[in-house]
C-alpha cells in the first residue's frame, strides 16, 4: 500500500503504509490518549463469530486499584476478580453493556462474570471511591493495548477492509479505515 494520509476534517490524520504480513501496527500520538491506557482494535469483522477463550481473564483488586486498569476482551469471555488486598471490596458496574454488583467480599475471595455484550464496562468499588477500571468488550480478537511508547501491533489479521478504532479512558474515540490485502499495514494515529 502506498504511503498516504487518511482522515476526516477535524480528526487526526492517519498515515498508512506497508509493514509486516497479516499484521496491523503503528503508533499513537500521546496527545490523543492524554497519556491514559489505550486500546486499538478492529471495530467489527462482518459475518463472523469468534469463540471466547476457555480460561477466564483476570482483573485483580491490588493496592486499592483494578489491575489491569483497562482490559480488552472478546465478547463471551469470563473475567475473574480476585481480591488480593487486605481489605474488603464491592466491585460493581452500572454500565448498560453489563450491569452487575458482586456485593462485599473479603481478601483471598474471588468473583467472576461473563461479558456477553459488546461495549465499555466501567468498574467501580462501593467501598473505595477512588477505584475505577474498564473492560472493553469487543466483537473480535483483533485488538492490542497501546504500549507506554505509543506502539501497538495486532497480529494474524485476515485480508479485508476494516474500521480501526482507538479507545482511551481520557481520549475521544477515533475510527479510521484500514485495508489488509496480502501483507502488513502500518496505521499511525497522529494529530
N, C-alpha and C. Protein backbone atom coordinates (compact mmCIF):
# COMPACT_ATOMS: atom_id res chain seq x y z
N UNK A 1 0.86 -1.17 0.00
CA UNK A 1 0.00 0.00 0.00
C UNK A 1 0.90 1.22 0.00
N UNK A 2 0.57 2.18 -0.78
CA UNK A 2 1.38 3.40 -0.87
C UNK A 2 1.20 4.24 0.37
N UNK A 3 2.24 5.00 0.68
CA UNK A 3 2.14 5.89 1.83
C UNK A 3 1.07 6.93 1.55
N UNK A 4 0.37 7.33 2.59
CA UNK A 4 -0.69 8.31 2.40
C UNK A 4 -1.21 8.79 3.72
N UNK A 5 -2.14 9.71 3.65
CA UNK A 5 -2.74 10.24 4.86
C UNK A 5 -4.24 10.12 4.73
N UNK A 6 -4.86 9.45 5.68
CA UNK A 6 -6.30 9.31 5.71
C UNK A 6 -6.82 10.16 6.85
N UNK A 7 -8.01 10.65 6.74
CA UNK A 7 -8.55 11.40 7.86
C UNK A 7 -9.83 12.10 7.48
N UNK A 8 -10.48 12.63 8.48
CA UNK A 8 -11.72 13.37 8.30
C UNK A 8 -11.48 14.74 8.90
N UNK A 9 -12.05 15.77 8.30
CA UNK A 9 -11.85 17.13 8.81
C UNK A 9 -12.10 17.18 10.30
N UNK A 10 -11.21 17.76 11.03
CA UNK A 10 -11.36 17.90 12.49
C UNK A 10 -10.84 16.71 13.26
N UNK A 11 -10.47 15.61 12.57
CA UNK A 11 -9.93 14.43 13.26
C UNK A 11 -8.46 14.31 12.91
N UNK A 12 -7.70 13.59 13.74
CA UNK A 12 -6.28 13.40 13.44
C UNK A 12 -6.11 12.66 12.12
N UNK A 13 -5.01 12.94 11.44
CA UNK A 13 -4.72 12.22 10.20
C UNK A 13 -4.19 10.85 10.55
N UNK A 14 -4.29 9.94 9.61
CA UNK A 14 -3.78 8.59 9.78
C UNK A 14 -2.88 8.30 8.59
N UNK A 15 -1.65 7.92 8.87
CA UNK A 15 -0.72 7.58 7.81
C UNK A 15 -0.75 6.07 7.65
N UNK A 16 -0.85 5.58 6.41
CA UNK A 16 -0.88 4.14 6.17
C UNK A 16 0.21 3.78 5.16
N UNK A 17 0.96 2.72 5.46
CA UNK A 17 1.95 2.21 4.52
C UNK A 17 2.28 0.77 4.91
N UNK A 18 2.90 0.02 4.02
CA UNK A 18 3.19 -1.39 4.26
C UNK A 18 4.10 -1.60 5.46
N UNK A 19 3.93 -2.73 6.21
CA UNK A 19 4.76 -3.03 7.39
C UNK A 19 5.14 -4.51 7.51
N UNK A 20 4.26 -5.46 8.02
CA UNK A 20 4.61 -6.89 8.18
C UNK A 20 3.37 -7.79 7.98
N UNK A 21 3.49 -9.01 7.39
CA UNK A 21 2.34 -9.83 6.95
C UNK A 21 1.27 -10.12 8.01
N UNK A 22 -0.03 -10.01 7.59
CA UNK A 22 -1.14 -10.34 8.47
C UNK A 22 -1.15 -9.53 9.75
N UNK A 23 -0.68 -8.31 9.68
CA UNK A 23 -0.48 -7.53 10.89
C UNK A 23 -0.80 -6.06 10.63
N UNK A 24 -1.49 -5.47 11.62
CA UNK A 24 -1.69 -4.01 11.61
C UNK A 24 -0.90 -3.49 12.80
N UNK A 25 -0.02 -2.54 12.53
CA UNK A 25 0.78 -1.98 13.62
C UNK A 25 0.97 -0.49 13.39
N UNK A 26 1.46 0.17 14.41
CA UNK A 26 1.72 1.60 14.29
C UNK A 26 1.94 2.24 15.63
N UNK A 27 1.81 3.56 15.64
CA UNK A 27 1.98 4.32 16.87
C UNK A 27 0.78 5.24 17.07
N UNK A 28 0.59 5.62 18.33
CA UNK A 28 -0.50 6.52 18.71
C UNK A 28 0.13 7.75 19.36
N UNK A 29 -0.19 8.91 18.84
CA UNK A 29 0.28 10.17 19.43
C UNK A 29 -0.27 10.27 20.85
N UNK A 30 0.58 10.47 21.87
CA UNK A 30 0.11 10.50 23.26
C UNK A 30 -0.91 11.61 23.54
N UNK A 31 -0.92 12.65 22.72
CA UNK A 31 -1.90 13.71 22.95
C UNK A 31 -3.33 13.23 22.66
N UNK A 32 -3.46 12.17 21.86
CA UNK A 32 -4.78 11.64 21.55
C UNK A 32 -5.37 10.83 22.70
N UNK A 33 -4.50 10.29 23.55
CA UNK A 33 -4.96 9.48 24.68
C UNK A 33 -4.80 10.21 26.01
N UNK A 34 -4.19 11.38 25.95
CA UNK A 34 -3.87 12.15 27.16
C UNK A 34 -3.11 11.30 28.17
N UNK A 35 -2.21 10.47 27.61
CA UNK A 35 -1.34 9.59 28.40
C UNK A 35 -2.08 8.57 29.25
N UNK A 36 -3.33 8.25 28.90
CA UNK A 36 -4.08 7.20 29.59
C UNK A 36 -3.88 5.88 28.84
N UNK A 37 -4.21 4.77 29.51
CA UNK A 37 -4.14 3.48 28.84
C UNK A 37 -5.08 3.49 27.65
N UNK A 38 -4.66 2.84 26.55
CA UNK A 38 -5.45 2.86 25.33
C UNK A 38 -5.43 1.49 24.65
N UNK A 39 -6.43 1.28 23.80
CA UNK A 39 -6.56 0.04 23.05
C UNK A 39 -6.89 0.40 21.60
N UNK A 40 -6.22 -0.30 20.67
CA UNK A 40 -6.55 -0.19 19.25
C UNK A 40 -7.17 -1.52 18.86
N UNK A 41 -8.29 -1.47 18.10
CA UNK A 41 -8.98 -2.71 17.74
C UNK A 41 -9.72 -2.56 16.43
N UNK A 42 -9.96 -3.70 15.78
CA UNK A 42 -10.83 -3.71 14.61
C UNK A 42 -12.26 -3.69 15.13
N UNK A 43 -13.02 -2.68 14.70
CA UNK A 43 -14.36 -2.48 15.22
C UNK A 43 -15.25 -3.68 15.01
N UNK A 44 -15.28 -4.22 13.80
CA UNK A 44 -16.14 -5.37 13.52
C UNK A 44 -15.60 -6.16 12.35
N UNK A 45 -15.68 -7.48 12.47
CA UNK A 45 -15.39 -8.38 11.36
C UNK A 45 -16.75 -8.93 10.96
N UNK A 46 -17.31 -8.48 9.81
CA UNK A 46 -18.66 -8.86 9.43
C UNK A 46 -18.82 -10.37 9.19
N UNK A 47 -20.02 -10.85 9.46
CA UNK A 47 -20.41 -12.24 9.17
C UNK A 47 -19.49 -13.27 9.80
N UNK A 48 -18.97 -12.98 10.97
CA UNK A 48 -18.08 -13.92 11.64
C UNK A 48 -18.33 -13.87 13.14
N UNK A 49 -18.34 -15.05 13.75
CA UNK A 49 -18.41 -15.12 15.21
C UNK A 49 -17.11 -15.77 15.69
N UNK A 50 -16.74 -15.45 16.90
CA UNK A 50 -15.48 -15.92 17.45
C UNK A 50 -15.73 -16.61 18.79
N UNK A 51 -15.06 -17.72 19.00
CA UNK A 51 -15.16 -18.45 20.26
C UNK A 51 -14.34 -17.74 21.33
N UNK A 52 -14.95 -17.47 22.48
CA UNK A 52 -14.18 -16.85 23.56
C UNK A 52 -13.18 -17.84 24.15
N UNK A 53 -12.18 -17.34 24.83
CA UNK A 53 -11.21 -18.25 25.46
C UNK A 53 -11.86 -19.10 26.54
N UNK A 54 -11.33 -20.29 26.76
CA UNK A 54 -11.89 -21.17 27.79
C UNK A 54 -11.41 -20.76 29.19
N UNK A 55 -10.24 -20.16 29.27
CA UNK A 55 -9.72 -19.70 30.56
C UNK A 55 -10.19 -18.27 30.81
N UNK A 56 -10.58 -17.96 32.05
CA UNK A 56 -11.00 -16.58 32.33
C UNK A 56 -9.85 -15.58 32.28
N UNK A 57 -10.18 -14.37 31.90
CA UNK A 57 -9.25 -13.25 32.05
C UNK A 57 -9.29 -12.85 33.52
N UNK A 58 -8.34 -12.05 33.96
CA UNK A 58 -8.26 -11.70 35.38
C UNK A 58 -8.06 -10.20 35.57
N UNK A 59 -8.84 -9.62 36.47
CA UNK A 59 -8.61 -8.26 36.96
C UNK A 59 -8.53 -8.37 38.48
N UNK A 60 -7.36 -8.08 39.02
CA UNK A 60 -7.18 -8.15 40.48
C UNK A 60 -7.55 -6.83 41.13
N UNK A 61 -7.96 -6.91 42.37
CA UNK A 61 -8.01 -5.72 43.21
C UNK A 61 -6.73 -5.79 44.03
N UNK A 62 -5.82 -4.89 43.69
CA UNK A 62 -4.48 -4.91 44.29
C UNK A 62 -4.08 -3.48 44.62
N UNK A 63 -3.67 -3.26 45.86
CA UNK A 63 -3.26 -1.94 46.34
C UNK A 63 -4.32 -0.89 46.04
N UNK A 64 -5.58 -1.28 46.30
CA UNK A 64 -6.74 -0.39 46.15
C UNK A 64 -6.91 0.11 44.72
N UNK A 65 -6.61 -0.77 43.75
CA UNK A 65 -6.77 -0.44 42.34
C UNK A 65 -7.17 -1.69 41.57
N UNK A 66 -7.76 -1.49 40.39
CA UNK A 66 -8.03 -2.60 39.48
C UNK A 66 -6.79 -2.79 38.62
N UNK A 67 -6.28 -4.03 38.56
CA UNK A 67 -5.06 -4.34 37.82
C UNK A 67 -5.34 -5.51 36.88
N UNK A 68 -5.33 -5.28 35.55
CA UNK A 68 -5.01 -4.03 34.88
C UNK A 68 -6.16 -3.03 34.98
N UNK A 69 -5.84 -1.78 34.75
CA UNK A 69 -6.84 -0.71 34.81
C UNK A 69 -7.80 -0.79 33.62
N UNK A 70 -7.28 -1.18 32.46
CA UNK A 70 -8.08 -1.37 31.25
C UNK A 70 -7.83 -2.77 30.73
N UNK A 71 -8.91 -3.52 30.49
CA UNK A 71 -8.78 -4.89 29.99
C UNK A 71 -9.63 -5.06 28.74
N UNK A 72 -9.01 -5.24 27.55
CA UNK A 72 -9.78 -5.57 26.36
C UNK A 72 -10.02 -7.08 26.31
N UNK A 73 -11.26 -7.48 25.99
CA UNK A 73 -11.60 -8.90 25.91
C UNK A 73 -12.53 -9.15 24.73
N UNK A 74 -12.62 -10.40 24.32
CA UNK A 74 -13.55 -10.84 23.30
C UNK A 74 -14.91 -11.11 23.96
N UNK A 75 -15.98 -10.71 23.29
CA UNK A 75 -17.33 -10.97 23.80
C UNK A 75 -17.47 -12.46 24.14
N UNK A 76 -18.09 -12.75 25.29
CA UNK A 76 -18.26 -14.12 25.77
C UNK A 76 -17.18 -14.55 26.74
N UNK A 77 -16.19 -13.71 26.97
CA UNK A 77 -15.10 -14.02 27.89
C UNK A 77 -15.57 -13.87 29.33
N UNK A 78 -15.16 -14.82 30.16
CA UNK A 78 -15.41 -14.72 31.60
C UNK A 78 -14.21 -14.02 32.23
N UNK A 79 -14.50 -13.10 33.15
CA UNK A 79 -13.43 -12.39 33.86
C UNK A 79 -13.55 -12.71 35.34
N UNK A 80 -12.41 -13.08 35.92
CA UNK A 80 -12.33 -13.38 37.35
C UNK A 80 -11.78 -12.16 38.07
N UNK A 81 -12.36 -11.84 39.25
CA UNK A 81 -11.98 -10.67 40.03
C UNK A 81 -11.49 -11.10 41.42
N UNK A 82 -10.24 -11.55 41.54
CA UNK A 82 -9.73 -11.92 42.86
C UNK A 82 -9.38 -10.67 43.69
N UNK A 83 -9.67 -10.75 44.96
CA UNK A 83 -9.31 -9.69 45.90
C UNK A 83 -7.99 -10.09 46.55
N UNK A 84 -6.89 -9.45 46.14
CA UNK A 84 -5.58 -9.76 46.73
C UNK A 84 -5.16 -8.69 47.73
N UNK A 85 -6.05 -7.73 48.00
CA UNK A 85 -5.80 -6.73 49.04
C UNK A 85 -6.07 -7.32 50.41
N UNK A 86 -5.77 -6.56 51.44
CA UNK A 86 -6.04 -6.98 52.83
C UNK A 86 -7.33 -6.38 53.36
N UNK A 87 -8.12 -5.80 52.46
CA UNK A 87 -9.39 -5.16 52.84
C UNK A 87 -10.51 -5.71 51.96
N UNK A 88 -11.74 -5.46 52.37
CA UNK A 88 -12.90 -5.89 51.59
C UNK A 88 -13.10 -4.96 50.39
N UNK A 89 -13.75 -5.52 49.36
CA UNK A 89 -14.13 -4.74 48.18
C UNK A 89 -15.57 -5.07 47.80
N UNK A 90 -16.18 -4.18 47.03
CA UNK A 90 -17.50 -4.41 46.46
C UNK A 90 -17.45 -3.93 45.01
N UNK A 91 -17.07 -4.83 44.11
CA UNK A 91 -16.94 -4.50 42.70
C UNK A 91 -18.32 -4.47 42.05
N UNK A 92 -18.58 -3.39 41.28
CA UNK A 92 -19.86 -3.30 40.57
C UNK A 92 -19.68 -2.48 39.30
N UNK A 93 -20.70 -2.56 38.43
CA UNK A 93 -20.74 -1.74 37.22
C UNK A 93 -22.17 -1.31 36.93
N UNK A 94 -22.36 -0.01 36.67
CA UNK A 94 -23.67 0.47 36.24
C UNK A 94 -23.80 0.51 34.71
N UNK A 95 -22.80 0.02 33.98
CA UNK A 95 -22.75 0.14 32.52
C UNK A 95 -23.84 -0.70 31.84
N UNK A 96 -24.50 -0.12 30.83
CA UNK A 96 -25.53 -0.86 30.09
C UNK A 96 -25.01 -2.16 29.45
N UNK A 97 -23.71 -2.19 29.09
CA UNK A 97 -23.16 -3.40 28.47
C UNK A 97 -23.15 -4.59 29.42
N UNK A 98 -23.08 -4.34 30.74
CA UNK A 98 -23.10 -5.43 31.72
C UNK A 98 -23.23 -4.87 33.13
N UNK A 99 -24.45 -4.51 33.54
CA UNK A 99 -24.61 -4.05 34.93
C UNK A 99 -24.50 -5.25 35.88
N UNK A 100 -23.75 -5.08 36.96
CA UNK A 100 -23.64 -6.14 37.97
C UNK A 100 -23.18 -5.53 39.29
N UNK A 101 -23.34 -6.30 40.35
CA UNK A 101 -22.86 -5.90 41.68
C UNK A 101 -22.51 -7.17 42.44
N UNK A 102 -21.23 -7.36 42.75
CA UNK A 102 -20.77 -8.55 43.44
C UNK A 102 -21.08 -8.53 44.93
N UNK A 103 -21.42 -7.38 45.49
CA UNK A 103 -21.56 -7.29 46.93
C UNK A 103 -20.18 -7.31 47.58
N UNK A 104 -20.18 -7.21 48.87
CA UNK A 104 -18.90 -7.17 49.61
C UNK A 104 -18.25 -8.55 49.63
N UNK A 105 -16.95 -8.57 49.31
CA UNK A 105 -16.21 -9.81 49.50
C UNK A 105 -14.82 -9.53 50.07
N UNK A 106 -14.31 -10.53 50.73
CA UNK A 106 -13.14 -10.41 51.59
C UNK A 106 -11.84 -10.75 50.87
N UNK A 107 -10.71 -10.41 51.50
CA UNK A 107 -9.40 -10.79 50.94
C UNK A 107 -9.34 -12.29 50.65
N UNK A 108 -8.64 -12.63 49.58
CA UNK A 108 -8.45 -14.00 49.11
C UNK A 108 -9.72 -14.62 48.53
N UNK A 109 -10.82 -13.87 48.45
CA UNK A 109 -12.02 -14.36 47.78
C UNK A 109 -12.00 -13.85 46.34
N UNK A 110 -12.80 -14.49 45.50
CA UNK A 110 -12.85 -14.12 44.09
C UNK A 110 -14.28 -14.24 43.59
N UNK A 111 -14.64 -13.42 42.63
CA UNK A 111 -15.92 -13.50 41.94
C UNK A 111 -15.61 -13.52 40.45
N UNK A 112 -16.57 -13.99 39.65
CA UNK A 112 -16.38 -13.95 38.20
C UNK A 112 -17.71 -13.75 37.50
N UNK A 113 -17.62 -13.24 36.27
CA UNK A 113 -18.81 -12.95 35.47
C UNK A 113 -18.42 -13.02 34.00
N UNK A 114 -19.38 -13.42 33.16
CA UNK A 114 -19.17 -13.50 31.71
C UNK A 114 -19.74 -12.25 31.04
N UNK A 115 -18.96 -11.68 30.15
CA UNK A 115 -19.36 -10.46 29.44
C UNK A 115 -19.83 -10.83 28.04
N UNK A 116 -21.14 -10.76 27.83
CA UNK A 116 -21.74 -11.27 26.61
C UNK A 116 -22.28 -10.19 25.67
N UNK A 117 -22.02 -8.93 25.97
CA UNK A 117 -22.48 -7.83 25.13
C UNK A 117 -21.32 -6.88 24.85
N UNK A 118 -21.16 -6.49 23.59
CA UNK A 118 -20.09 -5.58 23.18
C UNK A 118 -20.33 -4.20 23.81
N UNK A 119 -19.26 -3.59 24.32
CA UNK A 119 -19.35 -2.24 24.87
C UNK A 119 -18.29 -1.99 25.93
N UNK A 120 -18.33 -0.80 26.48
CA UNK A 120 -17.39 -0.42 27.53
C UNK A 120 -18.08 -0.63 28.88
N UNK A 121 -17.42 -1.38 29.76
CA UNK A 121 -17.94 -1.64 31.09
C UNK A 121 -17.05 -0.91 32.09
N UNK A 122 -17.62 0.06 32.79
CA UNK A 122 -16.84 0.76 33.81
C UNK A 122 -16.93 -0.02 35.11
N UNK A 123 -15.81 -0.11 35.82
CA UNK A 123 -15.73 -0.84 37.08
C UNK A 123 -15.54 0.15 38.22
N UNK A 124 -16.26 -0.09 39.31
CA UNK A 124 -16.16 0.75 40.49
C UNK A 124 -16.20 -0.13 41.73
N UNK A 125 -15.87 0.47 42.87
CA UNK A 125 -15.95 -0.21 44.16
C UNK A 125 -16.77 0.67 45.09
N UNK A 126 -17.85 0.13 45.65
CA UNK A 126 -18.71 0.89 46.55
C UNK A 126 -18.00 1.31 47.83
N UNK A 127 -16.97 0.59 48.20
CA UNK A 127 -16.26 0.87 49.45
C UNK A 127 -15.15 1.90 49.24
N UNK A 128 -14.49 1.84 48.10
CA UNK A 128 -13.33 2.70 47.82
C UNK A 128 -13.61 3.55 46.59
N UNK A 129 -14.03 4.78 46.81
CA UNK A 129 -14.49 5.64 45.72
C UNK A 129 -13.41 6.03 44.72
N UNK A 130 -12.14 5.86 45.06
CA UNK A 130 -11.08 6.21 44.11
C UNK A 130 -10.76 5.06 43.14
N UNK A 131 -11.33 3.89 43.37
CA UNK A 131 -11.07 2.75 42.48
C UNK A 131 -11.94 2.84 41.24
N UNK A 132 -11.30 2.70 40.09
CA UNK A 132 -12.05 2.63 38.83
C UNK A 132 -11.24 1.83 37.83
N UNK A 133 -11.92 1.26 36.87
CA UNK A 133 -11.28 0.50 35.82
C UNK A 133 -12.26 0.30 34.67
N UNK A 134 -11.79 -0.34 33.60
CA UNK A 134 -12.62 -0.53 32.41
C UNK A 134 -12.37 -1.89 31.79
N UNK A 135 -13.45 -2.47 31.30
CA UNK A 135 -13.36 -3.65 30.44
C UNK A 135 -13.94 -3.24 29.10
N UNK A 136 -13.17 -3.46 28.05
CA UNK A 136 -13.60 -3.15 26.70
C UNK A 136 -13.99 -4.48 26.06
N UNK A 137 -15.30 -4.73 25.92
CA UNK A 137 -15.79 -6.00 25.38
C UNK A 137 -15.94 -5.83 23.87
N UNK A 138 -15.18 -6.63 23.12
CA UNK A 138 -15.08 -6.46 21.67
C UNK A 138 -15.68 -7.63 20.89
N UNK A 139 -16.05 -7.38 19.65
CA UNK A 139 -16.70 -8.37 18.79
C UNK A 139 -15.71 -9.42 18.26
N UNK A 140 -14.43 -9.08 18.22
CA UNK A 140 -13.45 -9.97 17.62
C UNK A 140 -12.13 -9.92 18.39
N UNK A 141 -11.23 -10.87 18.11
CA UNK A 141 -9.97 -10.93 18.87
C UNK A 141 -8.86 -10.06 18.31
N UNK A 142 -9.17 -9.17 17.37
CA UNK A 142 -8.13 -8.35 16.74
C UNK A 142 -8.00 -7.02 17.46
N UNK A 143 -7.26 -7.05 18.56
CA UNK A 143 -7.06 -5.85 19.37
C UNK A 143 -5.69 -5.91 20.03
N UNK A 144 -5.23 -4.72 20.47
CA UNK A 144 -3.94 -4.64 21.16
C UNK A 144 -3.94 -3.43 22.08
N UNK A 145 -3.28 -3.59 23.22
CA UNK A 145 -3.07 -2.46 24.12
C UNK A 145 -1.96 -1.60 23.52
N UNK A 146 -2.08 -0.31 23.72
CA UNK A 146 -1.05 0.61 23.27
C UNK A 146 0.02 0.66 24.36
N UNK A 147 1.26 0.44 23.99
CA UNK A 147 2.35 0.43 24.97
C UNK A 147 2.69 1.82 25.46
N UNK A 148 3.49 1.88 26.49
CA UNK A 148 3.93 3.16 27.06
C UNK A 148 4.69 3.99 26.01
N UNK A 149 5.27 3.31 25.02
CA UNK A 149 6.00 4.00 23.95
C UNK A 149 5.07 4.45 22.81
N UNK A 150 3.75 4.19 22.96
CA UNK A 150 2.78 4.59 21.94
C UNK A 150 2.61 3.58 20.82
N UNK A 151 3.31 2.45 20.88
CA UNK A 151 3.23 1.47 19.81
C UNK A 151 2.18 0.40 20.11
N UNK A 152 1.63 -0.16 19.03
CA UNK A 152 0.69 -1.28 19.14
C UNK A 152 0.91 -2.20 17.94
N UNK A 153 0.46 -3.45 18.05
CA UNK A 153 0.52 -4.40 16.94
C UNK A 153 -0.60 -5.42 17.11
N UNK A 154 -1.36 -5.62 16.04
CA UNK A 154 -2.44 -6.61 16.02
C UNK A 154 -2.04 -7.66 14.99
N UNK A 155 -1.85 -8.89 15.44
CA UNK A 155 -1.38 -9.95 14.56
C UNK A 155 -2.48 -10.82 14.00
N UNK A 156 -2.11 -11.64 13.01
CA UNK A 156 -2.99 -12.64 12.39
C UNK A 156 -4.28 -12.05 11.84
N UNK A 157 -4.21 -10.87 11.27
CA UNK A 157 -5.40 -10.20 10.74
C UNK A 157 -5.67 -10.73 9.33
N UNK A 158 -6.89 -11.25 9.08
CA UNK A 158 -7.21 -11.71 7.73
C UNK A 158 -7.39 -10.54 6.77
N UNK A 159 -7.21 -10.80 5.49
CA UNK A 159 -7.41 -9.76 4.48
C UNK A 159 -8.83 -9.22 4.58
N UNK A 160 -8.97 -7.92 4.38
CA UNK A 160 -10.29 -7.31 4.41
C UNK A 160 -10.20 -5.81 4.60
N UNK A 161 -11.36 -5.17 4.46
CA UNK A 161 -11.49 -3.74 4.72
C UNK A 161 -12.16 -3.57 6.07
N UNK A 162 -11.53 -2.82 6.95
CA UNK A 162 -11.99 -2.71 8.33
C UNK A 162 -12.07 -1.25 8.77
N UNK A 163 -12.73 -1.08 9.90
CA UNK A 163 -12.66 0.18 10.62
C UNK A 163 -11.79 -0.09 11.84
N UNK A 164 -10.69 0.64 11.94
CA UNK A 164 -9.76 0.50 13.06
C UNK A 164 -10.13 1.58 14.08
N UNK A 165 -10.27 1.18 15.34
CA UNK A 165 -10.71 2.11 16.38
C UNK A 165 -9.63 2.28 17.44
N UNK A 166 -9.59 3.48 18.00
CA UNK A 166 -8.70 3.80 19.12
C UNK A 166 -9.60 4.20 20.28
N UNK A 167 -9.43 3.54 21.43
CA UNK A 167 -10.18 3.87 22.64
C UNK A 167 -9.19 4.17 23.76
N UNK A 168 -9.44 5.25 24.49
CA UNK A 168 -8.64 5.59 25.67
C UNK A 168 -9.57 6.20 26.70
N UNK A 169 -9.27 5.96 27.96
CA UNK A 169 -10.12 6.45 29.05
C UNK A 169 -10.35 7.96 28.97
N UNK A 170 -9.30 8.72 28.70
CA UNK A 170 -9.43 10.18 28.69
C UNK A 170 -9.40 10.77 27.29
N UNK A 171 -9.45 9.92 26.28
CA UNK A 171 -9.41 10.42 24.91
C UNK A 171 -10.76 10.27 24.23
N UNK A 172 -10.88 10.92 23.10
CA UNK A 172 -12.08 10.81 22.29
C UNK A 172 -11.94 9.57 21.39
N UNK A 173 -12.94 8.68 21.35
CA UNK A 173 -12.82 7.50 20.48
C UNK A 173 -12.63 7.93 19.02
N UNK A 174 -11.70 7.28 18.35
CA UNK A 174 -11.43 7.59 16.94
C UNK A 174 -11.60 6.32 16.10
N UNK A 175 -12.11 6.49 14.90
CA UNK A 175 -12.27 5.38 13.96
C UNK A 175 -11.75 5.81 12.60
N UNK A 176 -10.94 4.93 11.99
CA UNK A 176 -10.37 5.21 10.68
C UNK A 176 -10.40 3.93 9.85
N UNK A 177 -10.39 4.07 8.51
CA UNK A 177 -10.36 2.87 7.66
C UNK A 177 -8.98 2.23 7.66
N UNK A 178 -8.97 0.90 7.52
CA UNK A 178 -7.72 0.15 7.37
C UNK A 178 -8.00 -1.01 6.43
N UNK A 179 -7.13 -1.20 5.45
CA UNK A 179 -7.31 -2.27 4.48
C UNK A 179 -6.10 -3.20 4.56
N UNK A 180 -6.38 -4.50 4.74
CA UNK A 180 -5.32 -5.50 4.76
C UNK A 180 -5.51 -6.34 3.50
N UNK A 181 -4.51 -6.33 2.62
CA UNK A 181 -4.57 -7.08 1.35
C UNK A 181 -3.21 -7.72 1.08
N UNK A 182 -3.08 -8.98 1.45
CA UNK A 182 -1.87 -9.72 1.12
C UNK A 182 -0.60 -9.21 1.76
N UNK A 183 -0.70 -8.52 2.88
CA UNK A 183 0.51 -8.05 3.53
C UNK A 183 0.20 -7.19 4.73
N UNK A 184 1.24 -6.71 5.35
CA UNK A 184 1.10 -5.91 6.56
C UNK A 184 0.69 -4.46 6.27
N UNK A 185 0.15 -3.83 7.30
CA UNK A 185 -0.28 -2.43 7.18
C UNK A 185 0.19 -1.68 8.42
N UNK A 186 0.65 -0.47 8.21
CA UNK A 186 1.00 0.39 9.34
C UNK A 186 0.00 1.54 9.40
N UNK A 187 -0.61 1.72 10.56
CA UNK A 187 -1.56 2.82 10.76
C UNK A 187 -1.13 3.59 11.99
N UNK A 188 -0.79 4.85 11.80
CA UNK A 188 -0.35 5.73 12.88
C UNK A 188 -1.46 6.73 13.18
N UNK A 189 -1.86 6.78 14.43
CA UNK A 189 -2.86 7.77 14.85
C UNK A 189 -2.09 9.03 15.26
N UNK A 190 -2.19 10.08 14.43
CA UNK A 190 -1.47 11.32 14.70
C UNK A 190 -2.42 12.50 14.63
N UNK A 191 -1.97 13.62 15.19
CA UNK A 191 -2.76 14.85 15.12
C UNK A 191 -2.56 15.51 13.80
